[in-house]
Amino acid sequence: MTRVLIVDDEPSIRHLIATLLTLEGFDVTAAPDGQAALEQVLASAPDVIISDVRMPRLNGYALLTAVRANPALDGVRFVLLASYSDGDPGADSAVALADACLSKPFTRELLLKTVRALVA
């Protein structure tokens, strides 16, 4: 079963994505911010990380950069969720490291298509 980690500081978004993916047969866990997510990933790497960009403690760009810097996590696929550009000067280089980027709001179909394509 494909394991997916959802990272978003908005509980309603985490719940919505988790419910959708669980109903589609994915094994889903969640984290409220990038720091908590990184701790989970280092303990047990998921197949896919779906992460918001703007979060407290460790944002999505920093989480993505940390995951990509760790050779033990080479197989982890990463989807960034962004609602707008945050003006972060490192954003472009971080986005280039992502396997996919989705703009909020996104459709259920697009999210499922993206995740399925990454694990195919």
PDB file of N, CA and C in Angstrom:
ATOM      1  N   MET A   1       0.848  -1.178   0.000  1.00  0.00           N
ATOM      2  CA  MET A   1       0.000   0.000   0.000  1.00  0.00           C
ATOM      3  C   MET A   1       0.897   1.246   0.000  1.00  0.00           C
ATOM      4  N   THR A   2       0.568   2.201  -0.827  1.00  0.00           N
ATOM      5  CA  THR A   2       1.339   3.434  -0.934  1.00  0.00           C
ATOM      6  C   THR A   2       1.122   4.309   0.297  1.00  0.00           C
ATOM      7  N   ARG A   3       2.236   4.724   0.903  1.00  0.00           N
ATOM      8  CA  ARG A   3       2.168   5.557   2.104  1.00  0.00           C
ATOM      9  C   ARG A   3       2.358   7.027   1.734  1.00  0.00           C
ATOM     10  N   VAL A   4       1.428   7.863   2.196  1.00  0.00           N
ATOM     11  CA  VAL A   4       1.440   9.291   1.887  1.00  0.00           C
ATOM     12  C   VAL A   4       1.432  10.086   3.189  1.00  0.00           C
ATOM     13  N   LEU A   5       2.326  11.072   3.264  1.00  0.00           N
ATOM     14  CA  LEU A   5       2.362  11.991   4.400  1.00  0.00           C
ATOM     15  C   LEU A   5       1.830  13.339   3.934  1.00  0.00           C
ATOM     16  N   ILE A   6       0.815  13.841   4.624  1.00  0.00           N
ATOM     17  CA  ILE A   6       0.227  15.146   4.313  1.00  0.00           C
ATOM     18  C   ILE A   6       0.721  16.137   5.358  1.00  0.00           C
ATOM     19  N   VAL A   7       1.249  17.267   4.875  1.00  0.00           N
ATOM     20  CA  VAL A   7       1.813  18.273   5.772  1.00  0.00           C
ATOM     21  C   VAL A   7       1.124  19.607   5.503  1.00  0.00           C
ATOM     22  N   ASP A   8       0.350  20.072   6.473  1.00  0.00           N
ATOM     23  CA  ASP A   8      -0.346  21.354   6.335  1.00  0.00           C
ATOM     24  C   ASP A   8      -0.711  21.836   7.729  1.00  0.00           C
ATOM     25  N   ASP A   9      -0.557  23.134   7.964  1.00  0.00           N
ATOM     26  CA  ASP A   9      -0.877  23.672   9.283  1.00  0.00           C
ATOM     27  C   ASP A   9      -2.370  23.919   9.472  1.00  0.00           C
ATOM     28  N   GLU A  10      -3.146  23.786   8.418  1.00  0.00           N
ATOM     29  CA  GLU A  10      -4.602  23.939   8.509  1.00  0.00           C
ATOM     30  C   GLU A  10      -5.235  22.560   8.720  1.00  0.00           C
ATOM     31  N   PRO A  11      -5.799  22.302   9.906  1.00  0.00           N
ATOM     32  CA  PRO A  11      -6.386  20.991  10.174  1.00  0.00           C
ATOM     33  C   PRO A  11      -7.443  20.577   9.151  1.00  0.00           C
ATOM     34  N   SER A  12      -8.245  21.513   8.679  1.00  0.00           N
ATOM     35  CA  SER A  12      -9.303  21.159   7.727  1.00  0.00           C
ATOM     36  C   SER A  12      -8.726  20.682   6.395  1.00  0.00           C
ATOM     37  N   ILE A  13      -7.636  21.275   5.957  1.00  0.00           N
ATOM     38  CA  ILE A  13      -6.992  20.853   4.705  1.00  0.00           C
ATOM     39  C   ILE A  13      -6.381  19.468   4.886  1.00  0.00           C
ATOM     40  N   ARG A  14      -5.665  19.268   6.004  1.00  0.00           N
ATOM     41  CA  ARG A  14      -5.088  17.946   6.286  1.00  0.00           C
ATOM     42  C   ARG A  14      -6.171  16.886   6.272  1.00  0.00           C
ATOM     43  N   HIS A  15      -7.274  17.158   6.957  1.00  0.00           N
ATOM     44  CA  HIS A  15      -8.363  16.187   7.054  1.00  0.00           C
ATOM     45  C   HIS A  15      -8.979  15.906   5.682  1.00  0.00           C
ATOM     46  N   LEU A  16      -9.210  16.939   4.911  1.00  0.00           N
ATOM     47  CA  LEU A  16      -9.810  16.779   3.586  1.00  0.00           C
ATOM     48  C   LEU A  16      -8.946  15.905   2.681  1.00  0.00           C
ATOM     49  N   ILE A  17      -7.661  16.214   2.610  1.00  0.00           N
ATOM     50  CA  ILE A  17      -6.758  15.438   1.752  1.00  0.00           C
ATOM     51  C   ILE A  17      -6.611  14.015   2.286  1.00  0.00           C
ATOM     52  N   ALA A  18      -6.492  13.878   3.603  1.00  0.00           N
ATOM     53  CA  ALA A  18      -6.354  12.546   4.199  1.00  0.00           C
ATOM     54  C   ALA A  18      -7.571  11.682   3.911  1.00  0.00           C
ATOM     55  N   THR A  19      -8.750  12.249   4.050  1.00  0.00           N
ATOM     56  CA  THR A  19      -9.977  11.498   3.781  1.00  0.00           C
ATOM     57  C   THR A  19     -10.038  11.067   2.322  1.00  0.00           C
ATOM     58  N   LEU A  20      -9.756  11.986   1.424  1.00  0.00           N
ATOM     59  CA  LEU A  20      -9.780  11.680  -0.007  1.00  0.00           C
ATOM     60  C   LEU A  20      -8.824  10.540  -0.344  1.00  0.00           C
ATOM     61  N   LEU A  21      -7.591  10.641   0.117  1.00  0.00           N
ATOM     62  CA  LEU A  21      -6.597   9.621  -0.225  1.00  0.00           C
ATOM     63  C   LEU A  21      -6.872   8.291   0.467  1.00  0.00           C
ATOM     64  N   THR A  22      -7.375   8.330   1.692  1.00  0.00           N
ATOM     65  CA  THR A  22      -7.725   7.094   2.398  1.00  0.00           C
ATOM     66  C   THR A  22      -8.839   6.357   1.663  1.00  0.00           C
ATOM     67  N   LEU A  23      -9.845   7.090   1.221  1.00  0.00           N
ATOM     68  CA  LEU A  23     -10.947   6.473   0.469  1.00  0.00           C
ATOM     69  C   LEU A  23     -10.474   5.869  -0.847  1.00  0.00           C
ATOM     70  N   GLU A  24      -9.361   6.369  -1.365  1.00  0.00           N
ATOM     71  CA  GLU A  24      -8.803   5.853  -2.616  1.00  0.00           C
ATOM     72  C   GLU A  24      -7.780   4.745  -2.382  1.00  0.00           C
ATOM     73  N   GLY A  25      -7.619   4.316  -1.117  1.00  0.00           N
ATOM     74  CA  GLY A  25      -6.773   3.172  -0.817  1.00  0.00           C
ATOM     75  C   GLY A  25      -5.341   3.474  -0.404  1.00  0.00           C
ATOM     76  N   PHE A  26      -5.022   4.732  -0.158  1.00  0.00           N
ATOM     77  CA  PHE A  26      -3.680   5.082   0.288  1.00  0.00           C
ATOM     78  C   PHE A  26      -3.593   4.995   1.810  1.00  0.00           C
ATOM     79  N   ASP A  27      -2.403   4.684   2.306  1.00  0.00           N
ATOM     80  CA  ASP A  27      -2.121   4.669   3.741  1.00  0.00           C
ATOM     81  C   ASP A  27      -1.627   6.070   4.095  1.00  0.00           C
ATOM     82  N   VAL A  28      -2.424   6.825   4.847  1.00  0.00           N
ATOM     83  CA  VAL A  28      -2.168   8.249   5.053  1.00  0.00           C
ATOM     84  C   VAL A  28      -1.812   8.567   6.501  1.00  0.00           C
ATOM     85  N   THR A  29      -0.773   9.387   6.664  1.00  0.00           N
ATOM     86  CA  THR A  29      -0.446   9.995   7.946  1.00  0.00           C
ATOM     87  C   THR A  29      -0.365  11.501   7.711  1.00  0.00           C
ATOM     88  N   ALA A  30      -0.325  12.264   8.798  1.00  0.00           N
ATOM     89  CA  ALA A  30      -0.326  13.718   8.643  1.00  0.00           C
ATOM     90  C   ALA A  30       0.559  14.374   9.689  1.00  0.00           C
ATOM     91  N   ALA A  31       1.004  15.589   9.352  1.00  0.00           N
ATOM     92  CA  ALA A  31       1.811  16.397  10.268  1.00  0.00           C
ATOM     93  C   ALA A  31       1.357  17.848  10.156  1.00  0.00           C
ATOM     94  N   PRO A  32       1.400  18.593  11.277  1.00  0.00           N
ATOM     95  CA  PRO A  32       0.906  19.970  11.277  1.00  0.00           C
ATOM     96  C   PRO A  32       1.907  21.017  10.785  1.00  0.00           C
ATOM     97  N   ASP A  33       3.162  20.611  10.598  1.00  0.00           N
ATOM     98  CA  ASP A  33       4.166  21.561  10.112  1.00  0.00           C
ATOM     99  C   ASP A  33       5.378  20.789   9.595  1.00  0.00           C
ATOM    100  N   GLY A  34       6.289  21.516   8.979  1.00  0.00           N
ATOM    101  CA  GLY A  34       7.444  20.881   8.365  1.00  0.00           C
ATOM    102  C   GLY A  34       8.373  20.195   9.344  1.00  0.00           C
ATOM    103  N   GLN A  35       8.545  20.759  10.532  1.00  0.00           N
ATOM    104  CA  GLN A  35       9.429  20.147  11.521  1.00  0.00           C
ATOM    105  C   GLN A  35       8.888  18.798  11.979  1.00  0.00           C
ATOM    106  N   ALA A  36       7.603  18.745  12.298  1.00  0.00           N
ATOM    107  CA  ALA A  36       6.988  17.475  12.698  1.00  0.00           C
ATOM    108  C   ALA A  36       7.055  16.470  11.553  1.00  0.00           C
ATOM    109  N   ALA A  37       6.852  16.945  10.335  1.00  0.00           N
ATOM    110  CA  ALA A  37       6.915  16.066   9.165  1.00  0.00           C
ATOM    111  C   ALA A  37       8.313  15.488   8.991  1.00  0.00           C
ATOM    112  N   LEU A  38       9.326  16.335   9.118  1.00  0.00           N
ATOM    113  CA  LEU A  38      10.701  15.862   8.949  1.00  0.00           C
ATOM    114  C   LEU A  38      11.029  14.787   9.976  1.00  0.00           C
ATOM    115  N   GLU A  39      10.583  14.970  11.201  1.00  0.00           N
ATOM    116  CA  GLU A  39      10.803  13.960  12.235  1.00  0.00           C
ATOM    117  C   GLU A  39      10.130  12.644  11.851  1.00  0.00           C
ATOM    118  N   GLN A  40       8.910  12.710  11.329  1.00  0.00           N
ATOM    119  CA  GLN A  40       8.202  11.495  10.899  1.00  0.00           C
ATOM    120  C   GLN A  40       8.916  10.829   9.729  1.00  0.00           C
ATOM    121  N   VAL A  41       9.341  11.636   8.764  1.00  0.00           N
ATOM    122  CA  VAL A  41       9.998  11.105   7.564  1.00  0.00           C
ATOM    123  C   VAL A  41      11.299  10.400   7.929  1.00  0.00           C
ATOM    124  N   LEU A  42      12.058  10.982   8.836  1.00  0.00           N
ATOM    125  CA  LEU A  42      13.325  10.372   9.236  1.00  0.00           C
ATOM    126  C   LEU A  42      13.105   9.074  10.002  1.00  0.00           C
ATOM    127  N   ALA A  43      11.988   8.959  10.703  1.00  0.00           N
ATOM    128  CA  ALA A  43      11.668   7.736  11.443  1.00  0.00           C
ATOM    129  C   ALA A  43      11.145   6.644  10.518  1.00  0.00           C
ATOM    130  N   SER A  44      10.347   7.030   9.525  1.00  0.00           N
ATOM    131  CA  SER A  44       9.739   6.069   8.602  1.00  0.00           C
ATOM    132  C   SER A  44       9.327   6.802   7.332  1.00  0.00           C
ATOM    133  N   ALA A  45      10.120   6.642   6.295  1.00  0.00           N
ATOM    134  CA  ALA A  45       9.903   7.397   5.058  1.00  0.00           C
ATOM    135  C   ALA A  45       8.631   6.950   4.337  1.00  0.00           C
ATOM    136  N   PRO A  46       7.797   7.914   3.948  1.00  0.00           N
ATOM    137  CA  PRO A  46       6.613   7.594   3.137  1.00  0.00           C
ATOM    138  C   PRO A  46       7.023   7.464   1.667  1.00  0.00           C
ATOM    139  N   ASP A  47       6.094   7.060   0.843  1.00  0.00           N
ATOM    140  CA  ASP A  47       6.340   7.027  -0.600  1.00  0.00           C
ATOM    141  C   ASP A  47       6.177   8.416  -1.206  1.00  0.00           C
ATOM    142  N   VAL A  48       5.213   9.178  -0.668  1.00  0.00           N
ATOM    143  CA  VAL A  48       4.899  10.511  -1.188  1.00  0.00           C
ATOM    144  C   VAL A  48       4.673  11.464  -0.020  1.00  0.00           C
ATOM    145  N   ILE A  49       5.192  12.683  -0.164  1.00  0.00           N
ATOM    146  CA  ILE A  49       4.899  13.765   0.772  1.00  0.00           C
ATOM    147  C   ILE A  49       4.116  14.818   0.007  1.00  0.00           C
ATOM    148  N   ILE A  50       2.986  15.228   0.565  1.00  0.00           N
ATOM    149  CA  ILE A  50       2.200  16.335   0.011  1.00  0.00           C
ATOM    150  C   ILE A  50       2.277  17.445   1.048  1.00  0.00           C
ATOM    151  N   SER A  51       2.934  18.553   0.688  1.00  0.00           N
ATOM    152  CA  SER A  51       3.199  19.588   1.680  1.00  0.00           C
ATOM    153  C   SER A  51       2.768  20.972   1.231  1.00  0.00           C
ATOM    154  N   ASP A  52       2.110  21.665   2.144  1.00  0.00           N
ATOM    155  CA  ASP A  52       1.832  23.080   1.965  1.00  0.00           C
ATOM    156  C   ASP A  52       3.166  23.820   1.983  1.00  0.00           C
ATOM    157  N   VAL A  53       3.173  25.031   1.450  1.00  0.00           N
ATOM    158  CA  VAL A  53       4.387  25.837   1.450  1.00  0.00           C
ATOM    159  C   VAL A  53       4.510  26.637   2.737  1.00  0.00           C
ATOM    160  N   ARG A  54       3.488  27.406   3.061  1.00  0.00           N
ATOM    161  CA  ARG A  54       3.542  28.303   4.225  1.00  0.00           C
ATOM    162  C   ARG A  54       3.067  27.587   5.480  1.00  0.00           C
ATOM    163  N   MET A  55       4.036  27.355   6.386  1.00  0.00           N
ATOM    164  CA  MET A  55       3.734  26.707   7.664  1.00  0.00           C
ATOM    165  C   MET A  55       4.696  27.229   8.715  1.00  0.00           C
ATOM    166  N   PRO A  56       4.315  27.113   9.990  1.00  0.00           N
ATOM    167  CA  PRO A  56       5.238  27.517  11.052  1.00  0.00           C
ATOM    168  C   PRO A  56       6.369  26.497  11.216  1.00  0.00           C
ATOM    169  N   ARG A  57       7.351  26.884  11.966  1.00  0.00           N
ATOM    170  CA  ARG A  57       8.535  26.088  12.333  1.00  0.00           C
ATOM    171  C   ARG A  57       9.416  25.743  11.137  1.00  0.00           C
ATOM    172  N   LEU A  58       8.929  25.028  10.168  1.00  0.00           N
ATOM    173  CA  LEU A  58       9.712  24.660   8.985  1.00  0.00           C
ATOM    174  C   LEU A  58       8.749  24.683   7.810  1.00  0.00           C
ATOM    175  N   ASN A  59       8.981  25.582   6.853  1.00  0.00           N
ATOM    176  CA  ASN A  59       8.033  25.693   5.737  1.00  0.00           C
ATOM    177  C   ASN A  59       8.237  24.569   4.721  1.00  0.00           C
ATOM    178  N   GLY A  60       7.361  24.516   3.744  1.00  0.00           N
ATOM    179  CA  GLY A  60       7.406  23.451   2.751  1.00  0.00           C
ATOM    180  C   GLY A  60       8.673  23.431   1.923  1.00  0.00           C
ATOM    181  N   TYR A  61       9.198  24.612   1.587  1.00  0.00           N
ATOM    182  CA  TYR A  61      10.448  24.676   0.820  1.00  0.00           C
ATOM    183  C   TYR A  61      11.604  24.087   1.620  1.00  0.00           C
ATOM    184  N   ALA A  62      11.678  24.448   2.898  1.00  0.00           N
ATOM    185  CA  ALA A  62      12.755  23.941   3.752  1.00  0.00           C
ATOM    186  C   ALA A  62      12.615  22.433   3.968  1.00  0.00           C
ATOM    187  N   LEU A  63      11.388  21.960   4.115  1.00  0.00           N
ATOM    188  CA  LEU A  63      11.156  20.519   4.248  1.00  0.00           C
ATOM    189  C   LEU A  63      11.614  19.795   2.989  1.00  0.00           C
ATOM    190  N   LEU A  64      11.224  20.298   1.842  1.00  0.00           N
ATOM    191  CA  LEU A  64      11.623  19.692   0.568  1.00  0.00           C
ATOM    192  C   LEU A  64      13.143  19.662   0.437  1.00  0.00           C
ATOM    193  N   THR A  65      13.794  20.759   0.749  1.00  0.00           N
ATOM    194  CA  THR A  65      15.253  20.834   0.655  1.00  0.00           C
ATOM    195  C   THR A  65      15.909  19.823   1.594  1.00  0.00           C
ATOM    196  N   ALA A  66      15.383  19.678   2.807  1.00  0.00           N
ATOM    197  CA  ALA A  66      15.929  18.719   3.769  1.00  0.00           C
ATOM    198  C   ALA A  66      15.745  17.285   3.288  1.00  0.00           C
ATOM    199  N   VAL A  67      14.591  16.986   2.721  1.00  0.00           N
ATOM    200  CA  VAL A  67      14.334  15.637   2.200  1.00  0.00           C
ATOM    201  C   VAL A  67      15.287  15.330   1.049  1.00  0.00           C
ATOM    202  N   ARG A  68      15.444  16.263   0.131  1.00  0.00           N
ATOM    203  CA  ARG A  68      16.312  16.044  -1.031  1.00  0.00           C
ATOM    204  C   ARG A  68      17.792  15.964  -0.647  1.00  0.00           C
ATOM    205  N   ALA A  69      18.175  16.567   0.464  1.00  0.00           N
ATOM    206  CA  ALA A  69      19.570  16.544   0.902  1.00  0.00           C
ATOM    207  C   ALA A  69      19.949  15.225   1.580  1.00  0.00           C
ATOM    208  N   ASN A  70      18.966  14.396   1.892  1.00  0.00           N
ATOM    209  CA  ASN A  70      19.212  13.146   2.603  1.00  0.00           C
ATOM    210  C   ASN A  70      19.183  11.978   1.619  1.00  0.00           C
ATOM    211  N   PRO A  71      20.337  11.364   1.329  1.00  0.00           N
ATOM    212  CA  PRO A  71      20.385  10.261   0.361  1.00  0.00           C
ATOM    213  C   PRO A  71      19.477   9.081   0.720  1.00  0.00           C
ATOM    214  N   ALA A  72      19.207   8.889   1.994  1.00  0.00           N
ATOM    215  CA  ALA A  72      18.339   7.787   2.417  1.00  0.00           C
ATOM    216  C   ALA A  72      16.894   7.999   1.973  1.00  0.00           C
ATOM    217  N   LEU A  73      16.557   9.235   1.557  1.00  0.00           N
ATOM    218  CA  LEU A  73      15.182   9.560   1.165  1.00  0.00           C
ATOM    219  C   LEU A  73      15.048   9.765  -0.343  1.00  0.00           C
ATOM    220  N   ASP A  74      16.001   9.228  -1.105  1.00  0.00           N
ATOM    221  CA  ASP A  74      16.007   9.428  -2.564  1.00  0.00           C
ATOM    222  C   ASP A  74      14.714   9.015  -3.257  1.00  0.00           C
ATOM    223  N   GLY A  75      14.064   7.993  -2.776  1.00  0.00           N
ATOM    224  CA  GLY A  75      12.866   7.501  -3.449  1.00  0.00           C
ATOM    225  C   GLY A  75      11.578   8.212  -3.081  1.00  0.00           C
ATOM    226  N   VAL A  76      11.644   9.136  -2.136  1.00  0.00           N
ATOM    227  CA  VAL A  76      10.437   9.830  -1.688  1.00  0.00           C
ATOM    228  C   VAL A  76      10.019  10.871  -2.724  1.00  0.00           C
ATOM    229  N   ARG A  77       8.766  10.806  -3.149  1.00  0.00           N
ATOM    230  CA  ARG A  77       8.214  11.781  -4.096  1.00  0.00           C
ATOM    231  C   ARG A  77       7.614  12.935  -3.303  1.00  0.00           C
ATOM    232  N   PHE A  78       7.675  14.146  -3.880  1.00  0.00           N
ATOM    233  CA  PHE A  78       7.273  15.336  -3.130  1.00  0.00           C
ATOM    234  C   PHE A  78       6.365  16.212  -3.972  1.00  0.00           C
ATOM    235  N   VAL A  79       5.193  16.549  -3.404  1.00  0.00           N
ATOM    236  CA  VAL A  79       4.232  17.449  -4.049  1.00  0.00           C
ATOM    237  C   VAL A  79       4.112  18.700  -3.184  1.00  0.00           C
ATOM    238  N   LEU A  80       4.386  19.861  -3.773  1.00  0.00           N
ATOM    239  CA  LEU A  80       4.215  21.136  -3.073  1.00  0.00           C
ATOM    240  C   LEU A  80       2.838  21.701  -3.372  1.00  0.00           C
ATOM    241  N   LEU A  81       2.179  22.219  -2.335  1.00  0.00           N
ATOM    242  CA  LEU A  81       0.890  22.890  -2.481  1.00  0.00           C
ATOM    243  C   LEU A  81       1.088  24.368  -2.160  1.00  0.00           C
ATOM    244  N   ALA A  82       0.762  25.233  -3.096  1.00  0.00           N
ATOM    245  CA  ALA A  82       0.968  26.669  -2.877  1.00  0.00           C
ATOM    246  C   ALA A  82      -0.274  27.443  -3.276  1.00  0.00           C
ATOM    247  N   SER A  83      -0.587  28.455  -2.475  1.00  0.00           N
ATOM    248  CA  SER A  83      -1.735  29.297  -2.813  1.00  0.00           C
ATOM    249  C   SER A  83      -1.297  30.603  -3.438  1.00  0.00           C
ATOM    250  N   TYR A  84      -0.041  30.974  -3.222  1.00  0.00           N
ATOM    251  CA  TYR A  84       0.501  32.204  -3.802  1.00  0.00           C
ATOM    252  C   TYR A  84       2.006  32.214  -3.586  1.00  0.00           C
ATOM    253  N   SER A  85       2.688  33.071  -4.322  1.00  0.00           N
ATOM    254  CA  SER A  85       4.132  33.216  -4.155  1.00  0.00           C
ATOM    255  C   SER A  85       4.401  33.953  -2.856  1.00  0.00           C
ATOM    256  N   ASP A  86       5.310  33.429  -2.067  1.00  0.00           N
ATOM    257  CA  ASP A  86       5.596  34.078  -0.793  1.00  0.00           C
ATOM    258  C   ASP A  86       6.820  34.977  -0.844  1.00  0.00           C
ATOM    259  N   GLY A  87       7.392  35.151  -2.015  1.00  0.00           N
ATOM    260  CA  GLY A  87       8.538  36.036  -2.145  1.00  0.00           C
ATOM    261  C   GLY A  87       9.829  35.458  -1.591  1.00  0.00           C
ATOM    262  N   ASP A  88       9.846  34.199  -1.243  1.00  0.00           N
ATOM    263  CA  ASP A  88      11.041  33.550  -0.722  1.00  0.00           C
ATOM    264  C   ASP A  88      12.077  33.453  -1.837  1.00  0.00           C
ATOM    265  N   PRO A  89      13.282  34.012  -1.634  1.00  0.00           N
ATOM    266  CA  PRO A  89      14.283  33.973  -2.692  1.00  0.00           C
ATOM    267  C   PRO A  89      14.740  32.564  -3.051  1.00  0.00           C
ATOM    268  N   GLY A  90      14.564  31.607  -2.153  1.00  0.00           N
ATOM    269  CA  GLY A  90      14.942  30.230  -2.442  1.00  0.00           C
ATOM    270  C   GLY A  90      13.821  29.408  -3.040  1.00  0.00           C
ATOM    271  N   ALA A  91      12.680  30.024  -3.259  1.00  0.00           N
ATOM    272  CA  ALA A  91      11.502  29.287  -3.708  1.00  0.00           C
ATOM    273  C   ALA A  91      11.712  28.624  -5.061  1.00  0.00           C
ATOM    274  N   ASP A  92      12.271  29.336  -6.027  1.00  0.00           N
ATOM    275  CA  ASP A  92      12.437  28.760  -7.361  1.00  0.00           C
ATOM    276  C   ASP A  92      13.320  27.524  -7.343  1.00  0.00           C
ATOM    277  N   SER A  93      14.413  27.570  -6.601  1.00  0.00           N
ATOM    278  CA  SER A  93      15.286  26.403  -6.549  1.00  0.00           C
ATOM    279  C   SER A  93      14.618  25.253  -5.808  1.00  0.00           C
ATOM    280  N   ALA A  94      13.835  25.555  -4.787  1.00  0.00           N
ATOM    281  CA  ALA A  94      13.124  24.501  -4.061  1.00  0.00           C
ATOM    282  C   ALA A  94      12.054  23.874  -4.941  1.00  0.00           C
ATOM    283  N   VAL A  95      11.310  24.703  -5.669  1.00  0.00           N
ATOM    284  CA  VAL A  95      10.260  24.183  -6.553  1.00  0.00           C
ATOM    285  C   VAL A  95      10.865  23.243  -7.588  1.00  0.00           C
ATOM    286  N   ALA A  96      12.058  23.552  -8.055  1.00  0.00           N
ATOM    287  CA  ALA A  96      12.718  22.698  -9.043  1.00  0.00           C
ATOM    288  C   ALA A  96      13.025  21.312  -8.476  1.00  0.00           C
ATOM    289  N   LEU A  97      13.118  21.199  -7.166  1.00  0.00           N
ATOM    290  CA  LEU A  97      13.381  19.909  -6.524  1.00  0.00           C
ATOM    291  C   LEU A  97      12.122  19.062  -6.360  1.00  0.00           C
ATOM    292  N   ALA A  98      10.969  19.690  -6.467  1.00  0.00           N
ATOM    293  CA  ALA A  98       9.699  18.978  -6.263  1.00  0.00           C
ATOM    294  C   ALA A  98       9.367  18.106  -7.471  1.00  0.00           C
ATOM    295  N   ASP A  99       8.672  17.014  -7.208  1.00  0.00           N
ATOM    296  CA  ASP A  99       8.191  16.159  -8.296  1.00  0.00           C
ATOM    297  C   ASP A  99       6.956  16.752  -8.945  1.00  0.00           C
ATOM    298  N   ALA A 100       6.196  17.527  -8.172  1.00  0.00           N
ATOM    299  CA  ALA A 100       4.993  18.187  -8.697  1.00  0.00           C
ATOM    300  C   ALA A 100       4.654  19.372  -7.804  1.00  0.00           C
ATOM    301  N   CYS A 101       4.013  20.367  -8.400  1.00  0.00           N
ATOM    302  CA  CYS A 101       3.529  21.535  -7.665  1.00  0.00           C
ATOM    303  C   CYS A 101       2.075  21.758  -8.060  1.00  0.00           C
ATOM    304  N   LEU A 102       1.212  21.903  -7.068  1.00  0.00           N
ATOM    305  CA  LEU A 102      -0.198  22.175  -7.319  1.00  0.00           C
ATOM    306  C   LEU A 102      -0.568  23.499  -6.677  1.00  0.00           C
ATOM    307  N   SER A 103      -1.343  24.286  -7.388  1.00  0.00           N
ATOM    308  CA  SER A 103      -1.816  25.559  -6.854  1.00  0.00           C
ATOM    309  C   SER A 103      -3.147  25.352  -6.153  1.00  0.00           C
ATOM    310  N   LYS A 104      -3.279  25.960  -4.976  1.00  0.00           N
ATOM    311  CA  LYS A 104      -4.559  25.942  -4.272  1.00  0.00           C
ATOM    312  C   LYS A 104      -5.445  27.019  -4.875  1.00  0.00           C
ATOM    313  N   PRO A 105      -6.705  26.777  -5.058  1.00  0.00           N
ATOM    314  CA  PRO A 105      -7.379  25.494  -4.822  1.00  0.00           C
ATOM    315  C   PRO A 105      -7.131  24.540  -5.987  1.00  0.00           C
ATOM    316  N   PHE A 106      -7.058  23.268  -5.692  1.00  0.00           N
ATOM    317  CA  PHE A 106      -6.873  22.240  -6.712  1.00  0.00           C
ATOM    318  C   PHE A 106      -8.079  21.316  -6.660  1.00  0.00           C
ATOM    319  N   THR A 107      -8.288  20.588  -7.736  1.00  0.00           N
ATOM    320  CA  THR A 107      -9.423  19.667  -7.767  1.00  0.00           C
ATOM    321  C   THR A 107      -9.024  18.313  -7.185  1.00  0.00           C
ATOM    322  N   ARG A 108     -10.017  17.603  -6.749  1.00  0.00           N
ATOM    323  CA  ARG A 108      -9.830  16.237  -6.260  1.00  0.00           C
ATOM    324  C   ARG A 108      -9.172  15.387  -7.337  1.00  0.00           C
ATOM    325  N   GLU A 109      -9.665  15.542  -8.567  1.00  0.00           N
ATOM    326  CA  GLU A 109      -9.162  14.752  -9.685  1.00  0.00           C
ATOM    327  C   GLU A 109      -7.690  15.032  -9.953  1.00  0.00           C
ATOM    328  N   LEU A 110      -7.303  16.302  -9.906  1.00  0.00           N
ATOM    329  CA  LEU A 110      -5.907  16.657 -10.166  1.00  0.00           C
ATOM    330  C   LEU A 110      -4.989  16.103  -9.083  1.00  0.00           C
ATOM    331  N   LEU A 111      -5.408  16.189  -7.837  1.00  0.00           N
ATOM    332  CA  LEU A 111      -4.594  15.650  -6.753  1.00  0.00           C
ATOM    333  C   LEU A 111      -4.409  14.145  -6.919  1.00  0.00           C
ATOM    334  N   LEU A 112      -5.492  13.432  -7.169  1.00  0.00           N
ATOM    335  CA  LEU A 112      -5.401  11.978  -7.343  1.00  0.00           C
ATOM    336  C   LEU A 112      -4.551  11.608  -8.549  1.00  0.00           C
ATOM    337  N   LYS A 113      -4.745  12.297  -9.647  1.00  0.00           N
ATOM    338  CA  LYS A 113      -3.957  12.038 -10.860  1.00  0.00           C
ATOM    339  C   LYS A 113      -2.469  12.251 -10.584  1.00  0.00           C
ATOM    340  N   THR A 114      -2.147  13.314  -9.860  1.00  0.00           N
ATOM    341  CA  THR A 114      -0.757  13.629  -9.552  1.00  0.00           C
ATOM    342  C   THR A 114      -0.127  12.554  -8.676  1.00  0.00           C
ATOM    343  N   VAL A 115      -0.806  12.174  -7.608  1.00  0.00           N
ATOM    344  CA  VAL A 115      -0.261  11.167  -6.695  1.00  0.00           C
ATOM    345  C   VAL A 115      -0.125   9.822  -7.403  1.00  0.00           C
ATOM    346  N   ARG A 116      -1.131   9.434  -8.135  1.00  0.00           N
ATOM    347  CA  ARG A 116      -1.063   8.148  -8.850  1.00  0.00           C
ATOM    348  C   ARG A 116       0.075   8.123  -9.861  1.00  0.00           C
ATOM    349  N   ALA A 117       0.290   9.229 -10.558  1.00  0.00           N
ATOM    350  CA  ALA A 117       1.378   9.293 -11.545  1.00  0.00           C
ATOM    351  C   ALA A 117       2.742   9.155 -10.864  1.00  0.00           C
ATOM    352  N   LEU A 118       2.879   9.696  -9.685  1.00  0.00           N
ATOM    353  CA  LEU A 118       4.162   9.641  -8.986  1.00  0.00           C
ATOM    354  C   LEU A 118       4.495   8.252  -8.466  1.00  0.00           C
ATOM    355  N   VAL A 119       3.493   7.444  -8.215  1.00  0.00           N
ATOM    356  CA  VAL A 119       3.750   6.106  -7.666  1.00  0.00           C
ATOM    357  C   VAL A 119       3.568   5.000  -8.699  1.00  0.00           C
ATOM    358  N   ALA A 120       3.275   5.385  -9.923  1.00  0.00           N
ATOM    359  CA  ALA A 120       3.058   4.386 -10.989  1.00  0.00           C
ATOM    360  C   ALA A 120       4.360   3.700 -11.369  1.00  0.00           C
TER     361      ALA A 120
END
